[in-house]
């Protein structure tokens, strides 16, 4: 199974932000199912930089979980994602400051039509 994740770096500030490679992981019942790495880039001032990353889910890990068949019978599967992006911003053209952004999302997917029926995301920024 392959999951395509849209990772967007939104920069509401007046200065550009350079960021390194991003890491996106998918979890099913707290077990890591797959990891993808996004390329580094620059989010210009007051712009959004979009990255699509492809996560290859390791089938053995999800099929080996005893709760999978219960979730499939119930009609929905809950997964979580964790994305981390680290970057550097230059303030007033002189000062450089490191920033880490972590985004954790809980997603509930319908089995019948493979649509997202619920999503809750929490963001944490560390300066």
PDB file of N, CA and C in Angstrom:
ATOM      1  N   UNK A   1       0.854  -1.170   0.000  1.00  0.00           N
ATOM      2  CA  UNK A   1       0.000   0.000   0.000  1.00  0.00           C
ATOM      3  C   UNK A   1       0.900   1.234   0.000  1.00  0.00           C
ATOM      4  N   UNK A   2       0.484   2.242  -0.727  1.00  0.00           N
ATOM      5  CA  UNK A   2       1.225   3.484  -0.819  1.00  0.00           C
ATOM      6  C   UNK A   2       0.312   4.633  -0.411  1.00  0.00           C
ATOM      7  N   UNK A   3       0.835   5.529   0.405  1.00  0.00           N
ATOM      8  CA  UNK A   3       0.100   6.703   0.847  1.00  0.00           C
ATOM      9  C   UNK A   3       0.862   7.934   0.370  1.00  0.00           C
ATOM     10  N   UNK A   4       0.144   8.851  -0.272  1.00  0.00           N
ATOM     11  CA  UNK A   4       0.753  10.108  -0.697  1.00  0.00           C
ATOM     12  C   UNK A   4       0.331  11.183   0.289  1.00  0.00           C
ATOM     13  N   UNK A   5       1.295  11.826   0.917  1.00  0.00           N
ATOM     14  CA  UNK A   5       1.022  12.865   1.908  1.00  0.00           C
ATOM     15  C   UNK A   5       1.401  14.216   1.335  1.00  0.00           C
ATOM     16  N   UNK A   6       0.518  15.187   1.502  1.00  0.00           N
ATOM     17  CA  UNK A   6       0.788  16.553   1.076  1.00  0.00           C
ATOM     18  C   UNK A   6       1.344  17.294   2.284  1.00  0.00           C
ATOM     19  N   UNK A   7       2.635  17.619   2.237  1.00  0.00           N
ATOM     20  CA  UNK A   7       3.290  18.342   3.323  1.00  0.00           C
ATOM     21  C   UNK A   7       3.477  19.776   2.849  1.00  0.00           C
ATOM     22  N   UNK A   8       2.841  20.729   3.529  1.00  0.00           N
ATOM     23  CA  UNK A   8       2.946  22.135   3.152  1.00  0.00           C
ATOM     24  C   UNK A   8       3.670  22.902   4.234  1.00  0.00           C
ATOM     25  N   UNK A   9       4.632  23.713   3.824  1.00  0.00           N
ATOM     26  CA  UNK A   9       5.346  24.584   4.747  1.00  0.00           C
ATOM     27  C   UNK A   9       4.811  25.990   4.508  1.00  0.00           C
ATOM     28  N   UNK A  10       3.968  26.456   5.427  1.00  0.00           N
ATOM     29  CA  UNK A  10       3.366  27.784   5.298  1.00  0.00           C
ATOM     30  C   UNK A  10       4.200  28.773   6.103  1.00  0.00           C
ATOM     31  N   UNK A  11       4.611  29.844   5.433  1.00  0.00           N
ATOM     32  CA  UNK A  11       5.450  30.843   6.072  1.00  0.00           C
ATOM     33  C   UNK A  11       4.704  32.180   6.104  1.00  0.00           C
ATOM     34  N   UNK A  12       4.092  32.534   7.227  1.00  0.00           N
ATOM     35  CA  UNK A  12       3.360  33.795   7.313  1.00  0.00           C
ATOM     36  C   UNK A  12       4.265  34.993   7.610  1.00  0.00           C
ATOM     37  N   UNK A  13       5.542  34.777   7.793  1.00  0.00           N
ATOM     38  CA  UNK A  13       6.479  35.820   8.203  1.00  0.00           C
ATOM     39  C   UNK A  13       6.987  36.642   7.024  1.00  0.00           C
ATOM     40  N   UNK A  14       7.653  37.738   7.349  1.00  0.00           N
ATOM     41  CA  UNK A  14       8.204  38.639   6.337  1.00  0.00           C
ATOM     42  C   UNK A  14       9.570  38.182   5.839  1.00  0.00           C
ATOM     43  N   UNK A  15      10.138  37.148   6.413  1.00  0.00           N
ATOM     44  CA  UNK A  15      11.445  36.635   6.012  1.00  0.00           C
ATOM     45  C   UNK A  15      11.298  35.211   5.471  1.00  0.00           C
ATOM     46  N   UNK A  16      12.157  34.839   4.539  1.00  0.00           N
ATOM     47  CA  UNK A  16      12.160  33.481   3.998  1.00  0.00           C
ATOM     48  C   UNK A  16      12.685  32.505   5.042  1.00  0.00           C
ATOM     49  N   UNK A  17      12.248  31.257   4.928  1.00  0.00           N
ATOM     50  CA  UNK A  17      12.701  30.197   5.828  1.00  0.00           C
ATOM     51  C   UNK A  17      13.302  29.084   4.985  1.00  0.00           C
ATOM     52  N   UNK A  18      14.557  28.763   5.265  1.00  0.00           N
ATOM     53  CA  UNK A  18      15.198  27.622   4.613  1.00  0.00           C
ATOM     54  C   UNK A  18      15.012  26.421   5.526  1.00  0.00           C
ATOM     55  N   UNK A  19      14.613  25.307   4.943  1.00  0.00           N
ATOM     56  CA  UNK A  19      14.384  24.122   5.764  1.00  0.00           C
ATOM     57  C   UNK A  19      15.082  22.921   5.161  1.00  0.00           C
ATOM     58  N   UNK A  20      15.393  21.984   6.043  1.00  0.00           N
ATOM     59  CA  UNK A  20      16.064  20.756   5.629  1.00  0.00           C
ATOM     60  C   UNK A  20      15.063  19.697   5.230  1.00  0.00           C
ATOM     61  N   UNK A  21      15.539  18.492   5.033  1.00  0.00           N
ATOM     62  CA  UNK A  21      14.680  17.378   4.659  1.00  0.00           C
ATOM     63  C   UNK A  21      13.636  17.129   5.743  1.00  0.00           C
ATOM     64  N   UNK A  22      12.406  16.876   5.320  1.00  0.00           N
ATOM     65  CA  UNK A  22      11.338  16.584   6.268  1.00  0.00           C
ATOM     66  C   UNK A  22      11.204  15.070   6.423  1.00  0.00           C
ATOM     67  N   UNK A  23      10.650  14.666   7.551  1.00  0.00           N
ATOM     68  CA  UNK A  23      10.408  13.254   7.827  1.00  0.00           C
ATOM     69  C   UNK A  23       8.932  13.077   8.142  1.00  0.00           C
ATOM     70  N   UNK A  24       8.266  12.156   7.437  1.00  0.00           N
ATOM     71  CA  UNK A  24       6.861  11.851   7.689  1.00  0.00           C
ATOM     72  C   UNK A  24       6.734  10.362   7.966  1.00  0.00           C
ATOM     73  N   UNK A  25       6.130  10.015   9.095  1.00  0.00           N
ATOM     74  CA  UNK A  25       5.930   8.609   9.464  1.00  0.00           C
ATOM     75  C   UNK A  25       4.444   8.354   9.665  1.00  0.00           C
ATOM     76  N   UNK A  26       4.006   7.141   9.313  1.00  0.00           N
ATOM     77  CA  UNK A  26       2.617   6.727   9.512  1.00  0.00           C
ATOM     78  C   UNK A  26       2.598   5.600  10.525  1.00  0.00           C
ATOM     79  N   UNK A  27       1.657   5.718  11.475  1.00  0.00           N
ATOM     80  CA  UNK A  27       1.524   4.727  12.548  1.00  0.00           C
ATOM     81  C   UNK A  27       0.117   4.149  12.563  1.00  0.00           C
ATOM     82  N   UNK A  28       0.031   2.858  12.840  1.00  0.00           N
ATOM     83  CA  UNK A  28      -1.251   2.185  13.079  1.00  0.00           C
ATOM     84  C   UNK A  28      -1.159   1.561  14.467  1.00  0.00           C
ATOM     85  N   UNK A  29      -2.000   2.023  15.348  1.00  0.00           N
ATOM     86  CA  UNK A  29      -1.999   1.549  16.742  1.00  0.00           C
ATOM     87  C   UNK A  29      -0.590   1.623  17.347  1.00  0.00           C
ATOM     88  N   UNK A  30       0.056   2.769  17.174  1.00  0.00           N
ATOM     89  CA  UNK A  30       1.366   3.109  17.753  1.00  0.00           C
ATOM     90  C   UNK A  30       2.527   2.305  17.169  1.00  0.00           C
ATOM     91  N   UNK A  31       2.284   1.543  16.106  1.00  0.00           N
ATOM     92  CA  UNK A  31       3.370   0.823  15.427  1.00  0.00           C
ATOM     93  C   UNK A  31       3.676   1.521  14.115  1.00  0.00           C
ATOM     94  N   UNK A  32       4.934   1.804  13.874  1.00  0.00           N
ATOM     95  CA  UNK A  32       5.328   2.478  12.645  1.00  0.00           C
ATOM     96  C   UNK A  32       5.093   1.572  11.445  1.00  0.00           C
ATOM     97  N   UNK A  33       4.361   2.110  10.451  1.00  0.00           N
ATOM     98  CA  UNK A  33       4.035   1.355   9.251  1.00  0.00           C
ATOM     99  C   UNK A  33       4.879   1.764   8.053  1.00  0.00           C
ATOM    100  N   UNK A  34       5.408   2.988   8.083  1.00  0.00           N
ATOM    101  CA  UNK A  34       6.219   3.455   6.967  1.00  0.00           C
ATOM    102  C   UNK A  34       6.750   4.850   7.221  1.00  0.00           C
ATOM    103  N   UNK A  35       7.830   5.200   6.514  1.00  0.00           N
ATOM    104  CA  UNK A  35       8.470   6.512   6.662  1.00  0.00           C
ATOM    105  C   UNK A  35       8.808   7.036   5.270  1.00  0.00           C
ATOM    106  N   UNK A  36       8.675   8.359   5.106  1.00  0.00           N
ATOM    107  CA  UNK A  36       9.079   9.016   3.857  1.00  0.00           C
ATOM    108  C   UNK A  36       9.862  10.272   4.201  1.00  0.00           C
ATOM    109  N   UNK A  37      10.744  10.652   3.305  1.00  0.00           N
ATOM    110  CA  UNK A  37      11.570  11.828   3.507  1.00  0.00           C
ATOM    111  C   UNK A  37      11.322  12.811   2.373  1.00  0.00           C
ATOM    112  N   UNK A  38      11.048  14.065   2.743  1.00  0.00           N
ATOM    113  CA  UNK A  38      10.834  15.115   1.760  1.00  0.00           C
ATOM    114  C   UNK A  38      12.107  15.897   1.532  1.00  0.00           C
ATOM    115  N   UNK A  39      12.205  16.553   0.385  1.00  0.00           N
ATOM    116  CA  UNK A  39      13.427  17.291   0.055  1.00  0.00           C
ATOM    117  C   UNK A  39      13.523  18.612   0.816  1.00  0.00           C
ATOM    118  N   UNK A  40      14.727  19.146   0.944  1.00  0.00           N
ATOM    119  CA  UNK A  40      14.888  20.478   1.544  1.00  0.00           C
ATOM    120  C   UNK A  40      14.396  21.541   0.567  1.00  0.00           C
ATOM    121  N   UNK A  41      14.210  22.751   1.084  1.00  0.00           N
ATOM    122  CA  UNK A  41      13.763  23.836   0.221  1.00  0.00           C
ATOM    123  C   UNK A  41      13.720  25.158   0.953  1.00  0.00           C
ATOM    124  N   UNK A  42      13.068  26.127   0.327  1.00  0.00           N
ATOM    125  CA  UNK A  42      12.911  27.454   0.900  1.00  0.00           C
ATOM    126  C   UNK A  42      11.457  27.878   0.768  1.00  0.00           C
ATOM    127  N   UNK A  43      10.871  28.295   1.888  1.00  0.00           N
ATOM    128  CA  UNK A  43       9.520  28.853   1.882  1.00  0.00           C
ATOM    129  C   UNK A  43       9.679  30.367   1.886  1.00  0.00           C
ATOM    130  N   UNK A  44       9.332  30.981   0.762  1.00  0.00           N
ATOM    131  CA  UNK A  44       9.488  32.422   0.659  1.00  0.00           C
ATOM    132  C   UNK A  44       8.539  33.131   1.614  1.00  0.00           C
ATOM    133  N   UNK A  45       8.793  34.391   1.852  1.00  0.00           N
ATOM    134  CA  UNK A  45       7.989  35.191   2.775  1.00  0.00           C
ATOM    135  C   UNK A  45       6.526  35.198   2.342  1.00  0.00           C
ATOM    136  N   UNK A  46       5.658  34.953   3.319  1.00  0.00           N
ATOM    137  CA  UNK A  46       4.206  34.974   3.127  1.00  0.00           C
ATOM    138  C   UNK A  46       3.737  34.048   2.006  1.00  0.00           C
ATOM    139  N   UNK A  47       4.383  32.917   1.882  1.00  0.00           N
ATOM    140  CA  UNK A  47       4.033  31.926   0.852  1.00  0.00           C
ATOM    141  C   UNK A  47       3.956  30.542   1.490  1.00  0.00           C
ATOM    142  N   UNK A  48       3.409  29.609   0.717  1.00  0.00           N
ATOM    143  CA  UNK A  48       3.339  28.219   1.140  1.00  0.00           C
ATOM    144  C   UNK A  48       4.103  27.364   0.141  1.00  0.00           C
ATOM    145  N   UNK A  49       4.989  26.528   0.660  1.00  0.00           N
ATOM    146  CA  UNK A  49       5.793  25.620  -0.150  1.00  0.00           C
ATOM    147  C   UNK A  49       5.199  24.229   0.022  1.00  0.00           C
ATOM    148  N   UNK A  50       4.735  23.610  -1.072  1.00  0.00           N
ATOM    149  CA  UNK A  50       4.086  22.299  -0.999  1.00  0.00           C
ATOM    150  C   UNK A  50       5.019  21.199  -1.465  1.00  0.00           C
ATOM    151  N   UNK A  51       4.970  20.093  -0.730  1.00  0.00           N
ATOM    152  CA  UNK A  51       5.782  18.922  -1.045  1.00  0.00           C
ATOM    153  C   UNK A  51       4.858  17.707  -0.980  1.00  0.00           C
ATOM    154  N   UNK A  52       4.883  16.857  -1.988  1.00  0.00           N
ATOM    155  CA  UNK A  52       4.183  15.580  -1.928  1.00  0.00           C
ATOM    156  C   UNK A  52       5.208  14.503  -1.646  1.00  0.00           C
ATOM    157  N   UNK A  53       4.973  13.737  -0.590  1.00  0.00           N
ATOM    158  CA  UNK A  53       5.863  12.627  -0.257  1.00  0.00           C
ATOM    159  C   UNK A  53       5.072  11.329  -0.348  1.00  0.00           C
ATOM    160  N   UNK A  54       5.723  10.291  -0.801  1.00  0.00           N
ATOM    161  CA  UNK A  54       5.090   8.981  -0.936  1.00  0.00           C
ATOM    162  C   UNK A  54       5.614   8.063   0.149  1.00  0.00           C
ATOM    163  N   UNK A  55       4.684   7.536   0.945  1.00  0.00           N
ATOM    164  CA  UNK A  55       5.041   6.624   2.031  1.00  0.00           C
ATOM    165  C   UNK A  55       4.653   5.215   1.608  1.00  0.00           C
ATOM    166  N   UNK A  56       5.620   4.333   1.520  1.00  0.00           N
ATOM    167  CA  UNK A  56       5.341   2.927   1.249  1.00  0.00           C
ATOM    168  C   UNK A  56       5.075   2.234   2.574  1.00  0.00           C
ATOM    169  N   UNK A  57       3.841   1.764   2.741  1.00  0.00           N
ATOM    170  CA  UNK A  57       3.452   1.088   3.985  1.00  0.00           C
ATOM    171  C   UNK A  57       3.936  -0.351   3.909  1.00  0.00           C
ATOM    172  N   UNK A  58       4.607  -0.782   4.940  1.00  0.00           N
ATOM    173  CA  UNK A  58       5.134  -2.150   4.998  1.00  0.00           C
ATOM    174  C   UNK A  58       3.987  -3.077   5.365  1.00  0.00           C
ATOM    175  N   UNK A  59       3.542  -3.879   4.386  1.00  0.00           N
ATOM    176  CA  UNK A  59       2.340  -4.707   4.530  1.00  0.00           C
ATOM    177  C   UNK A  59       2.449  -5.704   5.682  1.00  0.00           C
ATOM    178  N   UNK A  60       3.626  -6.272   5.900  1.00  0.00           N
ATOM    179  CA  UNK A  60       3.788  -7.260   6.969  1.00  0.00           C
ATOM    180  C   UNK A  60       3.461  -6.677   8.336  1.00  0.00           C
ATOM    181  N   UNK A  61       3.790  -5.408   8.525  1.00  0.00           N
ATOM    182  CA  UNK A  61       3.551  -4.787   9.827  1.00  0.00           C
ATOM    183  C   UNK A  61       2.066  -4.581  10.094  1.00  0.00           C
ATOM    184  N   UNK A  62       1.331  -4.146   9.077  1.00  0.00           N
ATOM    185  CA  UNK A  62      -0.090  -3.894   9.299  1.00  0.00           C
ATOM    186  C   UNK A  62      -0.892  -5.197   9.308  1.00  0.00           C
ATOM    187  N   UNK A  63      -0.525  -6.149   8.458  1.00  0.00           N
ATOM    188  CA  UNK A  63      -1.243  -7.424   8.430  1.00  0.00           C
ATOM    189  C   UNK A  63      -0.957  -8.266   9.664  1.00  0.00           C
ATOM    190  N   UNK A  64       0.172  -8.037  10.313  1.00  0.00           N
ATOM    191  CA  UNK A  64       0.520  -8.780  11.514  1.00  0.00           C
ATOM    192  C   UNK A  64      -0.179  -8.289  12.771  1.00  0.00           C
ATOM    193  N   UNK A  65      -0.907  -7.184  12.671  1.00  0.00           N
ATOM    194  CA  UNK A  65      -1.597  -6.636  13.844  1.00  0.00           C
ATOM    195  C   UNK A  65      -2.941  -7.336  14.032  1.00  0.00           C
ATOM    196  N   UNK A  66      -3.161  -7.893  15.216  1.00  0.00           N
ATOM    197  CA  UNK A  66      -4.384  -8.643  15.502  1.00  0.00           C
ATOM    198  C   UNK A  66      -5.643  -7.773  15.456  1.00  0.00           C
ATOM    199  N   UNK A  67      -5.512  -6.474  15.645  1.00  0.00           N
ATOM    200  CA  UNK A  67      -6.677  -5.587  15.657  1.00  0.00           C
ATOM    201  C   UNK A  67      -7.137  -5.170  14.266  1.00  0.00           C
ATOM    202  N   UNK A  68      -6.360  -5.461  13.244  1.00  0.00           N
ATOM    203  CA  UNK A  68      -6.688  -5.002  11.897  1.00  0.00           C
ATOM    204  C   UNK A  68      -8.036  -5.531  11.431  1.00  0.00           C
ATOM    205  N   UNK A  69      -8.281  -6.804  11.605  1.00  0.00           N
ATOM    206  CA  UNK A  69      -9.528  -7.390  11.102  1.00  0.00           C
ATOM    207  C   UNK A  69     -10.743  -6.860  11.863  1.00  0.00           C
ATOM    208  N   UNK A  70     -10.587  -6.565  13.143  1.00  0.00           N
ATOM    209  CA  UNK A  70     -11.677  -5.949  13.904  1.00  0.00           C
ATOM    210  C   UNK A  70     -11.984  -4.554  13.365  1.00  0.00           C
ATOM    211  N   UNK A  71     -10.934  -3.777  13.051  1.00  0.00           N
ATOM    212  CA  UNK A  71     -11.129  -2.438  12.504  1.00  0.00           C
ATOM    213  C   UNK A  71     -11.760  -2.489  11.117  1.00  0.00           C
ATOM    214  N   UNK A  72     -11.317  -3.441  10.285  1.00  0.00           N
ATOM    215  CA  UNK A  72     -11.908  -3.595   8.956  1.00  0.00           C
ATOM    216  C   UNK A  72     -13.384  -3.967   9.044  1.00  0.00           C
ATOM    217  N   UNK A  73     -13.728  -4.851   9.968  1.00  0.00           N
ATOM    218  CA  UNK A  73     -15.130  -5.244  10.155  1.00  0.00           C
ATOM    219  C   UNK A  73     -15.969  -4.081  10.658  1.00  0.00           C
ATOM    220  N   UNK A  74     -15.369  -3.195  11.451  1.00  0.00           N
ATOM    221  CA  UNK A  74     -16.092  -2.025  11.966  1.00  0.00           C
ATOM    222  C   UNK A  74     -16.258  -0.962  10.886  1.00  0.00           C
ATOM    223  N   UNK A  75     -15.498  -1.049   9.798  1.00  0.00           N
ATOM    224  CA  UNK A  75     -15.664  -0.127   8.684  1.00  0.00           C
ATOM    225  C   UNK A  75     -14.739   1.062   8.650  1.00  0.00           C
ATOM    226  N   UNK A  76     -13.837   1.169   9.618  1.00  0.00           N
ATOM    227  CA  UNK A  76     -12.905   2.303   9.595  1.00  0.00           C
ATOM    228  C   UNK A  76     -11.579   1.913  10.240  1.00  0.00           C
ATOM    229  N   UNK A  77     -10.541   2.593   9.786  1.00  0.00           N
ATOM    230  CA  UNK A  77      -9.194   2.383  10.327  1.00  0.00           C
ATOM    231  C   UNK A  77      -8.656   3.734  10.775  1.00  0.00           C
ATOM    232  N   UNK A  78      -8.107   3.769  11.979  1.00  0.00           N
ATOM    233  CA  UNK A  78      -7.508   4.994  12.524  1.00  0.00           C
ATOM    234  C   UNK A  78      -5.990   4.887  12.426  1.00  0.00           C
ATOM    235  N   UNK A  79      -5.375   5.906  11.830  1.00  0.00           N
ATOM    236  CA  UNK A  79      -3.922   5.974  11.737  1.00  0.00           C
ATOM    237  C   UNK A  79      -3.477   7.338  12.249  1.00  0.00           C
ATOM    238  N   UNK A  80      -2.215   7.431  12.593  1.00  0.00           N
ATOM    239  CA  UNK A  80      -1.648   8.722  12.979  1.00  0.00           C
ATOM    240  C   UNK A  80      -0.437   8.981  12.098  1.00  0.00           C
ATOM    241  N   UNK A  81      -0.154  10.250  11.897  1.00  0.00           N
ATOM    242  CA  UNK A  81       1.028  10.643  11.147  1.00  0.00           C
ATOM    243  C   UNK A  81       1.836  11.616  11.986  1.00  0.00           C
ATOM    244  N   UNK A  82       3.123  11.606  11.779  1.00  0.00           N
ATOM    245  CA  UNK A  82       4.017  12.541  12.461  1.00  0.00           C
ATOM    246  C   UNK A  82       4.991  13.088  11.428  1.00  0.00           C
ATOM    247  N   UNK A  83       5.016  14.407  11.304  1.00  0.00           N
ATOM    248  CA  UNK A  83       5.907  15.067  10.354  1.00  0.00           C
ATOM    249  C   UNK A  83       6.770  16.060  11.098  1.00  0.00           C
ATOM    250  N   UNK A  84       8.070  16.066  10.773  1.00  0.00           N
ATOM    251  CA  UNK A  84       8.998  17.006  11.400  1.00  0.00           C
ATOM    252  C   UNK A  84       9.786  17.718  10.309  1.00  0.00           C
ATOM    253  N   UNK A  85       9.836  19.045  10.429  1.00  0.00           N
ATOM    254  CA  UNK A  85      10.599  19.873   9.506  1.00  0.00           C
ATOM    255  C   UNK A  85      11.457  20.816  10.337  1.00  0.00           C
ATOM    256  N   UNK A  86      12.739  20.827  10.075  1.00  0.00           N
ATOM    257  CA  UNK A  86      13.657  21.741  10.754  1.00  0.00           C
ATOM    258  C   UNK A  86      14.162  22.769   9.762  1.00  0.00           C
ATOM    259  N   UNK A  87      14.281  24.018  10.231  1.00  0.00           N
ATOM    260  CA  UNK A  87      14.719  25.060   9.319  1.00  0.00           C
ATOM    261  C   UNK A  87      15.480  26.167  10.009  1.00  0.00           C
ATOM    262  N   UNK A  88      15.842  27.165   9.207  1.00  0.00           N
ATOM    263  CA  UNK A  88      16.594  28.308   9.710  1.00  0.00           C
ATOM    264  C   UNK A  88      16.002  29.557   9.083  1.00  0.00           C
ATOM    265  N   UNK A  89      15.731  30.537   9.937  1.00  0.00           N
ATOM    266  CA  UNK A  89      15.195  31.812   9.470  1.00  0.00           C
ATOM    267  C   UNK A  89      16.218  32.903   9.757  1.00  0.00           C
ATOM    268  N   UNK A  90      16.318  33.849   8.840  1.00  0.00           N
ATOM    269  CA  UNK A  90      17.229  34.967   9.028  1.00  0.00           C
ATOM    270  C   UNK A  90      16.377  36.188   9.370  1.00  0.00           C
ATOM    271  N   UNK A  91      16.611  36.773  10.543  1.00  0.00           N
ATOM    272  CA  UNK A  91      15.858  37.921  11.034  1.00  0.00           C
ATOM    273  C   UNK A  91      16.634  39.195  10.742  1.00  0.00           C
ATOM    274  N   UNK A  92      15.961  40.128  10.093  1.00  0.00           N
ATOM    275  CA  UNK A  92      16.550  41.423   9.732  1.00  0.00           C
ATOM    276  C   UNK A  92      17.813  41.271   8.888  1.00  0.00           C
ATOM    277  N   UNK A  93      17.937  40.137   8.206  1.00  0.00           N
ATOM    278  CA  UNK A  93      19.080  39.909   7.345  1.00  0.00           C
ATOM    279  C   UNK A  93      20.379  39.669   8.073  1.00  0.00           C
ATOM    280  N   UNK A  94      20.348  39.626   9.419  1.00  0.00           N
ATOM    281  CA  UNK A  94      21.575  39.505  10.195  1.00  0.00           C
ATOM    282  C   UNK A  94      21.566  38.261  11.074  1.00  0.00           C
ATOM    283  N   UNK A  95      20.513  38.112  11.880  1.00  0.00           N
ATOM    284  CA  UNK A  95      20.448  37.039  12.868  1.00  0.00           C
ATOM    285  C   UNK A  95      19.844  35.782  12.253  1.00  0.00           C
ATOM    286  N   UNK A  96      20.484  34.646  12.506  1.00  0.00           N
ATOM    287  CA  UNK A  96      19.947  33.362  12.075  1.00  0.00           C
ATOM    288  C   UNK A  96      19.379  32.653  13.290  1.00  0.00           C
ATOM    289  N   UNK A  97      18.211  32.037  13.095  1.00  0.00           N
ATOM    290  CA  UNK A  97      17.566  31.342  14.204  1.00  0.00           C
ATOM    291  C   UNK A  97      17.028  30.005  13.699  1.00  0.00           C
ATOM    292  N   UNK A  98      17.285  28.936  14.467  1.00  0.00           N
ATOM    293  CA  UNK A  98      16.811  27.600  14.111  1.00  0.00           C
ATOM    294  C   UNK A  98      15.372  27.416  14.601  1.00  0.00           C
ATOM    295  N   UNK A  99      14.567  26.726  13.801  1.00  0.00           N
ATOM    296  CA  UNK A  99      13.186  26.451  14.182  1.00  0.00           C
ATOM    297  C   UNK A  99      12.842  25.016  13.767  1.00  0.00           C
ATOM    298  N   UNK A 100      12.118  24.296  14.637  1.00  0.00           N
ATOM    299  CA  UNK A 100      11.607  22.959  14.341  1.00  0.00           C
ATOM    300  C   UNK A 100      10.090  23.011  14.401  1.00  0.00           C
ATOM    301  N   UNK A 101       9.443  22.419  13.408  1.00  0.00           N
ATOM    302  CA  UNK A 101       7.986  22.336  13.380  1.00  0.00           C
ATOM    303  C   UNK A 101       7.608  20.863  13.342  1.00  0.00           C
ATOM    304  N   UNK A 102       6.748  20.464  14.281  1.00  0.00           N
ATOM    305  CA  UNK A 102       6.249  19.103  14.327  1.00  0.00           C
ATOM    306  C   UNK A 102       4.737  19.142  14.167  1.00  0.00           C
ATOM    307  N   UNK A 103       4.214  18.273  13.288  1.00  0.00           N
ATOM    308  CA  UNK A 103       2.778  18.178  13.060  1.00  0.00           C
ATOM    309  C   UNK A 103       2.370  16.729  13.260  1.00  0.00           C
ATOM    310  N   UNK A 104       1.431  16.503  14.177  1.00  0.00           N
ATOM    311  CA  UNK A 104       0.903  15.176  14.446  1.00  0.00           C
ATOM    312  C   UNK A 104      -0.579  15.175  14.097  1.00  0.00           C
ATOM    313  N   UNK A 105      -1.004  14.216  13.292  1.00  0.00           N
ATOM    314  CA  UNK A 105      -2.399  14.129  12.878  1.00  0.00           C
ATOM    315  C   UNK A 105      -2.959  12.750  13.186  1.00  0.00           C
ATOM    316  N   UNK A 106      -4.215  12.722  13.630  1.00  0.00           N
ATOM    317  CA  UNK A 106      -4.969  11.488  13.793  1.00  0.00           C
ATOM    318  C   UNK A 106      -6.006  11.465  12.682  1.00  0.00           C
ATOM    319  N   UNK A 107      -6.025  10.394  11.910  1.00  0.00           N
ATOM    320  CA  UNK A 107      -6.888  10.309  10.738  1.00  0.00           C
ATOM    321  C   UNK A 107      -7.707   9.027  10.809  1.00  0.00           C
ATOM    322  N   UNK A 108      -9.013   9.144  10.567  1.00  0.00           N
ATOM    323  CA  UNK A 108      -9.889   7.986  10.494  1.00  0.00           C
ATOM    324  C   UNK A 108     -10.340   7.836   9.046  1.00  0.00           C
ATOM    325  N   UNK A 109     -10.073   6.663   8.476  1.00  0.00           N
ATOM    326  CA  UNK A 109     -10.417   6.402   7.080  1.00  0.00           C
ATOM    327  C   UNK A 109     -11.524   5.366   6.999  1.00  0.00           C
ATOM    328  N   UNK A 110     -12.501   5.606   6.096  1.00  0.00           N
ATOM    329  CA  UNK A 110     -13.561   4.643   5.833  1.00  0.00           C
ATOM    330  C   UNK A 110     -13.008   3.537   4.942  1.00  0.00           C
ATOM    331  N   UNK A 111     -13.311   2.307   5.287  1.00  0.00           N
ATOM    332  CA  UNK A 111     -12.799   1.172   4.523  1.00  0.00           C
ATOM    333  C   UNK A 111     -13.528   1.052   3.187  1.00  0.00           C
ATOM    334  N   UNK A 112     -14.830   1.287   3.170  1.00  0.00           N
ATOM    335  CA  UNK A 112     -15.650   1.053   1.976  1.00  0.00           C
ATOM    336  C   UNK A 112     -15.215   1.895   0.779  1.00  0.00           C
ATOM    337  N   UNK A 113     -14.989   3.190   0.971  1.00  0.00           N
ATOM    338  CA  UNK A 113     -14.653   4.058  -0.161  1.00  0.00           C
ATOM    339  C   UNK A 113     -13.284   4.732  -0.022  1.00  0.00           C
ATOM    340  N   UNK A 114     -12.518   4.341   0.963  1.00  0.00           N
ATOM    341  CA  UNK A 114     -11.159   4.837   1.215  1.00  0.00           C
ATOM    342  C   UNK A 114     -11.114   6.359   1.367  1.00  0.00           C
ATOM    343  N   UNK A 115     -12.155   6.932   1.952  1.00  0.00           N
ATOM    344  CA  UNK A 115     -12.190   8.379   2.184  1.00  0.00           C
ATOM    345  C   UNK A 115     -11.835   8.685   3.633  1.00  0.00           C
ATOM    346  N   UNK A 116     -11.452   9.926   3.879  1.00  0.00           N
ATOM    347  CA  UNK A 116     -11.144  10.380   5.226  1.00  0.00           C
ATOM    348  C   UNK A 116     -12.428  10.877   5.865  1.00  0.00           C
ATOM    349  N   UNK A 117     -12.815  10.263   6.990  1.00  0.00           N
ATOM    350  CA  UNK A 117     -14.051  10.659   7.670  1.00  0.00           C
ATOM    351  C   UNK A 117     -13.777  11.523   8.896  1.00  0.00           C
ATOM    352  N   UNK A 118     -12.549  11.562   9.349  1.00  0.00           N
ATOM    353  CA  UNK A 118     -12.195  12.399  10.493  1.00  0.00           C
ATOM    354  C   UNK A 118     -10.707  12.686  10.507  1.00  0.00           C
ATOM    355  N   UNK A 119     -10.381  13.915  10.922  1.00  0.00           N
ATOM    356  CA  UNK A 119      -8.974  14.303  10.981  1.00  0.00           C
ATOM    357  C   UNK A 119      -8.793  15.348  12.058  1.00  0.00           C
ATOM    358  N   UNK A 120      -7.758  15.168  12.873  1.00  0.00           N
ATOM    359  CA  UNK A 120      -7.420  16.125  13.919  1.00  0.00           C
ATOM    360  C   UNK A 120      -5.900  16.276  13.936  1.00  0.00           C
ATOM    361  N   UNK A 121      -5.441  17.523  13.752  1.00  0.00           N
ATOM    362  CA  UNK A 121      -3.995  17.773  13.692  1.00  0.00           C
ATOM    363  C   UNK A 121      -3.564  18.748  14.781  1.00  0.00           C
ATOM    364  N   UNK A 122      -2.395  18.499  15.334  1.00  0.00           N
ATOM    365  CA  UNK A 122      -1.794  19.376  16.339  1.00  0.00           C
ATOM    366  C   UNK A 122      -0.396  19.753  15.883  1.00  0.00           C
ATOM    367  N   UNK A 123      -0.110  21.037  15.983  1.00  0.00           N
ATOM    368  CA  UNK A 123       1.180  21.566  15.548  1.00  0.00           C
ATOM    369  C   UNK A 123       1.968  22.072  16.739  1.00  0.00           C
ATOM    370  N   UNK A 124       3.274  21.835  16.703  1.00  0.00           N
ATOM    371  CA  UNK A 124       4.158  22.350  17.750  1.00  0.00           C
ATOM    372  C   UNK A 124       5.361  22.995  17.080  1.00  0.00           C
ATOM    373  N   UNK A 125       5.670  24.207  17.496  1.00  0.00           N
ATOM    374  CA  UNK A 125       6.812  24.925  16.953  1.00  0.00           C
ATOM    375  C   UNK A 125       7.817  25.134  18.081  1.00  0.00           C
ATOM    376  N   UNK A 126       9.071  24.775  17.809  1.00  0.00           N
ATOM    377  CA  UNK A 126      10.127  24.949  18.804  1.00  0.00           C
ATOM    378  C   UNK A 126      11.180  25.863  18.217  1.00  0.00           C
ATOM    379  N   UNK A 127      11.416  26.965  18.913  1.00  0.00           N
ATOM    380  CA  UNK A 127      12.414  27.935  18.455  1.00  0.00           C
ATOM    381  C   UNK A 127      13.742  27.748  19.169  1.00  0.00           C
TER     382      UNK A 127
END
